Amino acid sequence: MEKFEQAYAAAKTALKSPLAGDLESHRSDLRALLADGGPTPAKKGSLVNLRERLELGAAGKKSKGAGSKIAGEAQYIAESAGAKDAPGKGKRAATLKMLRHFYHGQSSGGAAIWVYSPPVAFDKWVFDKVTTDKDADIIKQLSVKAEEVYSKQHRKIMVDAISQARRIASNAALKVENPGKETVALVRQYFTDTADADITDICKTLKSGYSKIAGGLGSSSLVISDEPGDRLGGGWKDWAFIYPSEAMKVIYLQNAWLKKASEATPDNSSPLNRCARTIIHEMSHKECRTEDVCYGWEGLKPDGKLTGAYALHNADSWAYFAVDVNGLLTGADASNATMKNINFRRVPAKTLTVT
């Protein structure tokens, strides 16, 4: 398993079968939460309810000798997933554990943000960890330290960054629809390498693309997720990634993003705007099929191999321009935007989807 949508689909399937004890009465709400295409905001309370029930269940098991609180929770989940060693029990237990760490972040104007934050100790998706229906194995796999990969503060920053990214993208679309002198100058800086470039045509492309990005960030089922296997591997050091082919709108935020999320640097863009820029970068991959032709620190001003046409396919060019046209790009980030490109990674191979 590699993608959040795979875990989501597995959870939907598992909840078709009855749970045991007190949680069976809650199963219909959890099934309604996991709607086709993404979570249902109206059912966000089912996650709070589930955590409360797991908390009470864990306390009860601990009082009866289960040991630690987390061991008590693991035992309660195993018992709630069905009769001892019952067929399909492992997948139901994995579903309850997954939803235990799934949060509704915010809803506003039809948009909803969800965050999947499993335990740091997980090195696989929970469905790949719980692979048998035996109670003892389920309890062992779920009895890990409770610390989650994204803290409560991280989740708040994510929600704020997505809201900011949506505002930035929406305003960028408005700016290029009827561009003034300053906007035209920025379009030339980021996306042209010749004086006779068609600015009107470029602005039409940008308008369509930023509108799609803002729309994606306004989805009722936008998910921020950890990717456990990547997190404990080398990829965890990076900023973020997205699977353009994933049907659901899911952004995977990595350790570099988390470090910068709360790092205030006086001579650079604010943490919120840097984080929002990363969100726009990733969503441009999803909504517009941009590519990583080059990165900001390698210089974004077209020169040599980085032509204006190639820049129009480059995710960081879209992300930096959006922040810049909103007047929010400062410090070293602003220098990157005016520096001629010094490292070209690849020739774009995809066709932009901006109409």
Protein backbone atom coordinates (compact mmCIF):
# COMPACT_ATOMS: atom_id res chain seq x y z
CA MET A 1 0.00 0.00 0.00
CA GLU A 2 1.37 3.41 -1.00
CA LYS A 3 -1.47 5.91 -1.15
CA PHE A 4 -3.97 7.33 1.28
CA GLU A 5 -6.83 6.53 -1.07
CA GLN A 6 -5.90 2.84 -0.87
CA ALA A 7 -6.18 2.93 2.92
CA TYR A 8 -9.42 4.91 2.64
CA ALA A 9 -10.89 2.30 0.28
CA ALA A 10 -9.80 -0.53 2.59
CA ALA A 11 -11.51 1.20 5.52
CA LYS A 12 -14.74 1.63 3.53
CA THR A 13 -14.75 -2.06 2.69
CA ALA A 14 -13.95 -3.17 6.24
CA LEU A 15 -16.84 -1.19 7.71
CA LYS A 16 -19.35 -3.11 5.63
CA SER A 17 -18.99 -5.89 8.22
CA PRO A 18 -20.30 -5.57 11.79
CA LEU A 19 -18.17 -4.44 14.69
CA ALA A 20 -18.56 -5.86 18.18
CA GLY A 21 -19.86 -4.34 21.39
CA ASP A 22 -20.42 -0.63 21.84
CA LEU A 23 -18.76 0.42 18.59
CA GLU A 24 -21.27 -1.42 16.40
CA SER A 25 -23.83 1.30 17.14
CA HIS A 26 -21.31 3.83 15.82
CA ARG A 27 -20.46 1.97 12.61
CA SER A 28 -23.20 3.56 10.50
CA ASP A 29 -21.85 7.05 11.26
CA LEU A 30 -18.32 5.99 10.35
CA ARG A 31 -19.59 4.48 7.09
CA ALA A 32 -21.40 7.73 6.30
CA LEU A 33 -18.19 9.65 7.02
CA LEU A 34 -16.27 7.60 4.44
CA ALA A 35 -18.28 8.63 1.40
CA ASP A 36 -17.23 7.91 -2.16
CA GLY A 37 -14.57 10.36 -3.27
CA GLY A 38 -13.74 11.68 0.20
CA PRO A 39 -14.93 12.29 3.77
CA THR A 40 -18.30 13.88 4.55
CA PRO A 41 -17.90 17.11 6.58
CA ALA A 42 -21.35 16.69 8.13
CA LYS A 43 -20.09 13.49 9.77
CA LYS A 44 -16.88 14.97 11.24
CA GLY A 45 -18.28 14.45 14.75
CA SER A 46 -18.06 10.68 14.26
CA LEU A 47 -14.26 10.93 14.57
CA VAL A 48 -14.49 12.81 17.86
CA ASN A 49 -17.04 10.28 19.08
CA LEU A 50 -14.77 7.40 18.09
CA ARG A 51 -11.78 8.85 19.94
CA GLU A 52 -13.90 9.39 23.05
CA ARG A 53 -15.12 5.79 22.95
CA LEU A 54 -11.60 4.47 22.43
CA GLU A 55 -10.40 6.59 25.36
CA LEU A 56 -13.05 5.12 27.65
CA GLY A 57 -12.45 1.61 26.34
CA ALA A 58 -8.70 1.92 26.85
CA ALA A 59 -9.19 3.14 30.42
CA GLY A 60 -11.45 0.18 31.14
CA LYS A 61 -8.98 -2.35 29.79
CA LYS A 62 -6.10 -0.77 31.66
CA SER A 63 -8.03 -1.00 34.93
CA LYS A 64 -8.42 -4.72 34.26
CA GLY A 65 -4.70 -5.29 33.88
CA ALA A 66 -4.02 -4.46 30.22
CA GLY A 67 -0.91 -2.55 31.26
CA SER A 68 -0.33 0.80 29.59
CA LYS A 69 -3.06 3.03 28.20
CA ILE A 70 -1.98 2.32 24.62
CA ALA A 71 -2.04 -1.43 25.31
CA GLY A 72 -5.54 -1.00 26.71
CA GLU A 73 -6.61 0.83 23.56
CA ALA A 74 -5.10 -1.88 21.35
CA GLN A 75 -6.96 -4.56 23.29
CA TYR A 76 -10.23 -2.62 23.10
CA ILE A 77 -9.83 -2.13 19.34
CA ALA A 78 -9.13 -5.84 18.86
CA GLU A 79 -12.22 -6.81 20.86
CA SER A 80 -14.36 -4.22 19.04
CA ALA A 81 -13.30 -5.55 15.65
CA GLY A 82 -15.16 -8.84 16.16
CA ALA A 83 -15.12 -12.21 17.82
CA LYS A 84 -11.76 -13.75 18.73
CA ASP A 85 -9.66 -14.43 15.61
CA ALA A 86 -12.74 -13.86 13.39
CA PRO A 87 -12.26 -13.56 9.61
CA GLY A 88 -11.69 -9.95 8.50
CA LYS A 89 -11.00 -8.86 12.06
CA GLY A 90 -7.54 -7.50 11.24
CA LYS A 91 -8.86 -5.12 8.59
CA ARG A 92 -11.63 -3.87 10.88
CA ALA A 93 -9.09 -3.28 13.66
CA ALA A 94 -6.78 -1.47 11.21
CA THR A 95 -9.73 0.70 10.17
CA LEU A 96 -10.49 1.71 13.74
CA LYS A 97 -6.81 2.53 14.33
CA MET A 98 -6.63 4.55 11.12
CA LEU A 99 -9.73 6.58 12.00
CA ARG A 100 -8.38 7.06 15.53
CA HIS A 101 -5.66 9.22 13.93
CA PHE A 102 -7.81 10.93 11.28
CA TYR A 103 -8.85 14.53 12.00
CA HIS A 104 -11.16 17.13 10.58
CA GLY A 105 -9.16 20.35 10.48
CA GLN A 106 -11.53 23.02 9.27
CA SER A 107 -14.59 23.70 7.12
CA SER A 108 -15.24 27.04 5.49
CA GLY A 109 -17.26 28.06 2.45
CA GLY A 110 -17.70 24.49 1.23
CA ALA A 111 -14.04 23.62 1.80
CA ALA A 112 -12.94 21.00 4.30
CA ILE A 113 -9.45 19.96 5.35
CA TRP A 114 -8.66 16.54 6.82
CA VAL A 115 -5.40 15.29 8.34
CA TYR A 116 -4.20 11.71 8.75
CA SER A 117 -1.55 11.65 11.49
CA PRO A 118 -0.62 8.07 12.48
CA PRO A 119 1.87 7.18 15.22
CA VAL A 120 5.51 8.03 14.54
CA ALA A 121 6.31 4.39 15.34
CA PHE A 122 4.40 3.15 12.28
CA ASP A 123 6.75 2.30 9.42
CA LYS A 124 3.95 1.01 7.19
CA TRP A 125 0.33 1.82 6.50
CA VAL A 126 -1.75 0.29 9.27
CA PHE A 127 -3.35 -2.19 6.86
CA ASP A 128 0.14 -3.45 6.01
CA LYS A 129 1.03 -3.79 9.69
CA VAL A 130 -2.10 -5.64 10.80
CA THR A 131 -2.03 -8.56 8.38
CA THR A 132 -3.69 -11.35 10.40
CA ASP A 133 -6.98 -11.81 12.22
CA LYS A 134 -5.41 -13.16 15.40
CA ASP A 135 -6.11 -11.07 18.48
CA ALA A 136 -2.60 -11.42 19.88
CA ASP A 137 -1.00 -10.19 16.66
CA ILE A 138 -3.45 -7.28 16.31
CA ILE A 139 -2.79 -6.14 19.87
CA LYS A 140 0.98 -6.43 19.40
CA GLN A 141 0.98 -4.37 16.19
CA LEU A 142 -1.26 -1.64 17.62
CA SER A 143 0.55 -1.36 20.96
CA VAL A 144 2.97 1.36 19.83
CA LYS A 145 3.81 4.72 21.32
CA ALA A 146 0.94 7.15 20.89
CA GLU A 147 3.00 10.12 19.61
CA GLU A 148 1.64 11.16 16.21
CA VAL A 149 3.74 12.30 13.28
CA TYR A 150 1.86 15.63 13.08
CA SER A 151 1.27 17.43 16.37
CA LYS A 152 -1.85 19.45 17.14
CA GLN A 153 0.16 22.58 16.36
CA HIS A 154 1.28 21.09 13.05
CA ARG A 155 -2.33 20.39 12.14
CA LYS A 156 -3.26 24.01 12.85
CA ILE A 157 -0.38 25.27 10.69
CA MET A 158 -1.49 22.97 7.87
CA VAL A 159 -5.02 24.31 7.98
CA ASP A 160 -3.79 27.92 8.07
CA ALA A 161 -1.34 27.29 5.21
CA ILE A 162 -4.00 25.72 3.01
CA SER A 163 -6.40 28.59 3.68
CA GLN A 164 -3.61 31.06 2.87
CA ALA A 165 -2.66 29.14 -0.28
CA ARG A 166 -6.26 29.23 -1.45
CA ARG A 167 -6.42 33.00 -0.94
CA ILE A 168 -3.09 33.50 -2.73
CA ALA A 169 -4.11 31.34 -5.71
CA SER A 170 -7.54 33.00 -5.99
CA ASN A 171 -6.01 36.46 -5.93
CA ALA A 172 -3.32 35.46 -8.44
CA ALA A 173 -6.08 34.38 -10.83
CA LEU A 174 -7.70 37.81 -10.47
CA LYS A 175 -4.39 39.62 -10.95
CA VAL A 176 -3.60 37.94 -14.28
CA GLU A 177 -7.17 38.25 -15.57
CA ASN A 178 -6.74 42.01 -15.95
CA PRO A 179 -2.99 42.50 -15.45
CA GLY A 180 -1.59 45.88 -14.53
CA LYS A 181 1.94 47.06 -15.25
CA GLU A 182 3.45 45.37 -12.18
CA THR A 183 1.73 42.06 -12.91
CA VAL A 184 2.86 42.11 -16.54
CA ALA A 185 6.43 42.73 -15.38
CA LEU A 186 6.27 39.69 -13.10
CA VAL A 187 4.78 37.53 -15.86
CA ARG A 188 7.70 38.52 -18.07
CA GLN A 189 10.19 37.83 -15.29
CA TYR A 190 8.90 34.33 -14.55
CA PHE A 191 7.54 33.05 -17.84
CA THR A 192 9.28 34.71 -20.81
CA ASP A 193 12.71 34.63 -22.35
CA THR A 194 11.98 36.82 -25.39
CA ALA A 195 10.65 40.36 -25.71
CA ASP A 196 7.91 39.30 -28.16
CA ALA A 197 6.33 36.66 -25.92
CA ASP A 198 2.52 36.64 -25.95
CA ILE A 199 1.71 37.96 -22.47
CA THR A 200 -2.04 37.79 -23.08
CA ASP A 201 -1.90 34.09 -23.88
CA ILE A 202 0.35 33.37 -20.88
CA CYS A 203 -2.03 35.25 -18.59
CA LYS A 204 -4.97 33.20 -19.87
CA THR A 205 -3.07 30.02 -19.02
CA LEU A 206 -2.18 31.34 -15.57
CA LYS A 207 -5.74 32.50 -14.91
CA SER A 208 -7.15 29.08 -15.72
CA GLY A 209 -4.46 27.25 -13.74
CA TYR A 210 -4.72 29.34 -10.59
CA SER A 211 -8.49 29.05 -10.68
CA LYS A 212 -8.13 25.26 -10.77
CA ILE A 213 -5.59 25.32 -7.95
CA ALA A 214 -7.86 27.50 -5.80
CA GLY A 215 -10.74 25.17 -6.58
CA GLY A 216 -8.72 22.13 -5.56
CA LEU A 217 -7.79 23.81 -2.29
CA GLY A 218 -11.47 24.55 -1.76
CA SER A 219 -12.45 20.89 -2.00
CA SER A 220 -14.67 19.38 0.68
CA SER A 221 -12.32 16.40 0.85
CA LEU A 222 -8.76 17.75 0.75
CA VAL A 223 -6.53 15.43 2.79
CA ILE A 224 -3.09 16.00 4.30
CA SER A 225 -1.45 12.65 4.95
CA ASP A 226 1.69 11.02 6.17
CA GLU A 227 3.20 8.23 4.05
CA PRO A 228 4.67 5.94 6.73
CA GLY A 229 7.07 3.96 4.56
CA ASP A 230 8.53 7.10 3.02
CA ARG A 231 8.61 8.87 6.38
CA LEU A 232 11.07 6.38 7.86
CA GLY A 233 13.06 6.24 4.63
CA GLY A 234 15.16 8.85 2.85
CA GLY A 235 12.16 10.69 1.40
CA TRP A 236 11.11 12.00 4.81
CA LYS A 237 13.81 14.68 4.61
CA ASP A 238 12.01 16.33 1.68
CA TRP A 239 9.27 18.97 1.68
CA ALA A 240 6.17 17.40 0.20
CA PHE A 241 4.82 15.33 -2.65
CA ILE A 242 1.60 14.42 -4.38
CA TYR A 243 0.45 11.57 -6.61
CA PRO A 244 -1.11 13.29 -9.66
CA SER A 245 -2.81 10.00 -10.52
CA GLU A 246 -4.45 9.64 -7.11
CA ALA A 247 -8.19 10.19 -7.53
CA MET A 248 -8.54 11.80 -4.12
CA LYS A 249 -6.96 15.19 -3.42
CA VAL A 250 -4.15 14.22 -1.05
CA ILE A 251 -0.99 16.18 -0.20
CA TYR A 252 1.80 14.36 1.65
CA LEU A 253 3.75 16.75 3.87
CA GLN A 254 7.28 15.73 4.86
CA ASN A 255 9.80 16.66 7.52
CA ALA A 256 11.38 19.65 5.75
CA TRP A 257 7.92 21.23 5.55
CA LEU A 258 7.30 20.57 9.25
CA LYS A 259 10.63 22.15 10.23
CA LYS A 260 9.93 25.30 8.22
CA ALA A 261 6.31 25.47 9.36
CA SER A 262 7.29 27.10 12.65
CA GLU A 263 10.69 28.55 11.75
CA ALA A 264 10.62 32.34 11.68
CA THR A 265 13.48 33.76 9.60
CA PRO A 266 13.57 37.57 9.60
CA ASP A 267 15.33 37.85 6.24
CA ASN A 268 13.03 35.46 4.40
CA SER A 269 9.34 34.91 3.64
CA SER A 270 7.11 34.23 6.64
CA PRO A 271 6.66 30.58 7.67
CA LEU A 272 2.98 30.75 6.72
CA ASN A 273 3.72 32.03 3.22
CA ARG A 274 6.55 29.54 2.67
CA CYS A 275 4.22 26.71 3.68
CA ALA A 276 1.43 28.08 1.49
CA ARG A 277 3.89 28.23 -1.42
CA THR A 278 4.64 24.52 -1.00
CA ILE A 279 0.91 23.75 -0.98
CA ILE A 280 0.43 25.68 -4.26
CA HIS A 281 3.45 23.90 -5.77
CA GLU A 282 1.97 20.48 -5.00
CA MET A 283 -1.57 21.38 -6.03
CA SER A 284 -0.27 22.68 -9.37
CA HIS A 285 1.02 19.14 -10.01
CA LYS A 286 -2.43 17.78 -9.26
CA GLU A 287 -4.63 20.31 -11.02
CA CYS A 288 -2.40 21.52 -13.89
CA ARG A 289 0.08 18.66 -14.42
CA THR A 290 3.09 20.87 -13.81
CA GLU A 291 6.48 19.22 -13.34
CA ASP A 292 9.66 19.80 -11.33
CA VAL A 293 11.70 21.32 -14.14
CA CYS A 294 13.78 23.23 -11.58
CA TYR A 295 13.49 24.45 -8.00
CA GLY A 296 13.48 27.98 -6.61
CA TRP A 297 16.98 27.90 -5.13
CA GLU A 298 18.31 27.05 -8.60
CA GLY A 299 17.00 30.32 -10.03
CA LEU A 300 13.60 30.81 -11.64
CA LYS A 301 14.34 33.50 -14.19
CA PRO A 302 14.33 31.84 -17.64
CA ASP A 303 17.77 31.67 -19.18
CA GLY A 304 19.51 29.12 -21.38
CA LYS A 305 17.88 25.71 -20.97
CA LEU A 306 15.02 27.09 -18.87
CA THR A 307 12.93 28.74 -21.55
CA GLY A 308 9.78 30.72 -20.84
CA ALA A 309 7.70 27.84 -22.21
CA TYR A 310 9.44 25.38 -19.88
CA ALA A 311 8.95 27.75 -16.93
CA LEU A 312 5.22 27.65 -17.61
CA HIS A 313 5.38 23.91 -16.90
CA ASN A 314 7.43 24.33 -13.72
CA ALA A 315 5.63 23.92 -10.37
CA ASP A 316 7.97 26.21 -8.42
CA SER A 317 7.53 28.97 -11.01
CA TRP A 318 3.76 28.80 -10.47
CA ALA A 319 4.18 28.73 -6.68
CA TYR A 320 6.69 31.59 -6.45
CA PHE A 321 4.79 33.76 -8.93
CA ALA A 322 1.54 33.37 -6.99
CA VAL A 323 3.18 34.48 -3.74
CA ASP A 324 5.12 37.24 -5.52
CA VAL A 325 2.15 38.73 -7.36
CA ASN A 326 0.42 38.97 -3.97
CA GLY A 327 3.37 41.00 -2.64
CA LEU A 328 4.34 38.31 -0.13
CA LEU A 329 7.71 37.11 -1.47
CA THR A 330 10.64 38.50 0.53
CA GLY A 331 14.27 37.89 1.45
CA ALA A 332 16.24 35.07 -0.14
CA ASP A 333 13.07 33.73 -1.75
CA ALA A 334 12.67 36.98 -3.68
CA SER A 335 16.30 36.72 -4.78
CA ASN A 336 15.64 33.22 -6.16
CA ALA A 337 12.85 34.63 -8.29
CA THR A 338 15.14 37.13 -10.03
CA MET A 339 18.17 34.85 -10.31
CA LYS A 340 18.82 33.31 -13.73
CA ASN A 341 18.43 29.55 -13.68
CA ILE A 342 21.65 27.68 -12.94
CA ASN A 343 20.38 24.10 -12.85
CA PHE A 344 17.89 22.57 -15.24
CA ARG A 345 16.50 19.18 -14.18
CA ARG A 346 14.29 17.93 -17.00
CA VAL A 347 12.44 18.82 -20.17
CA PRO A 348 8.70 18.91 -19.47
CA ALA A 349 6.97 15.81 -20.82
CA LYS A 350 3.35 16.43 -19.87
CA THR A 351 0.69 18.64 -21.39
CA LEU A 352 -0.69 21.25 -19.01
CA THR A 353 -4.34 20.77 -18.06
CA VAL A 354 -5.45 24.33 -17.54
CA THR A 355 -8.67 24.53 -19.52
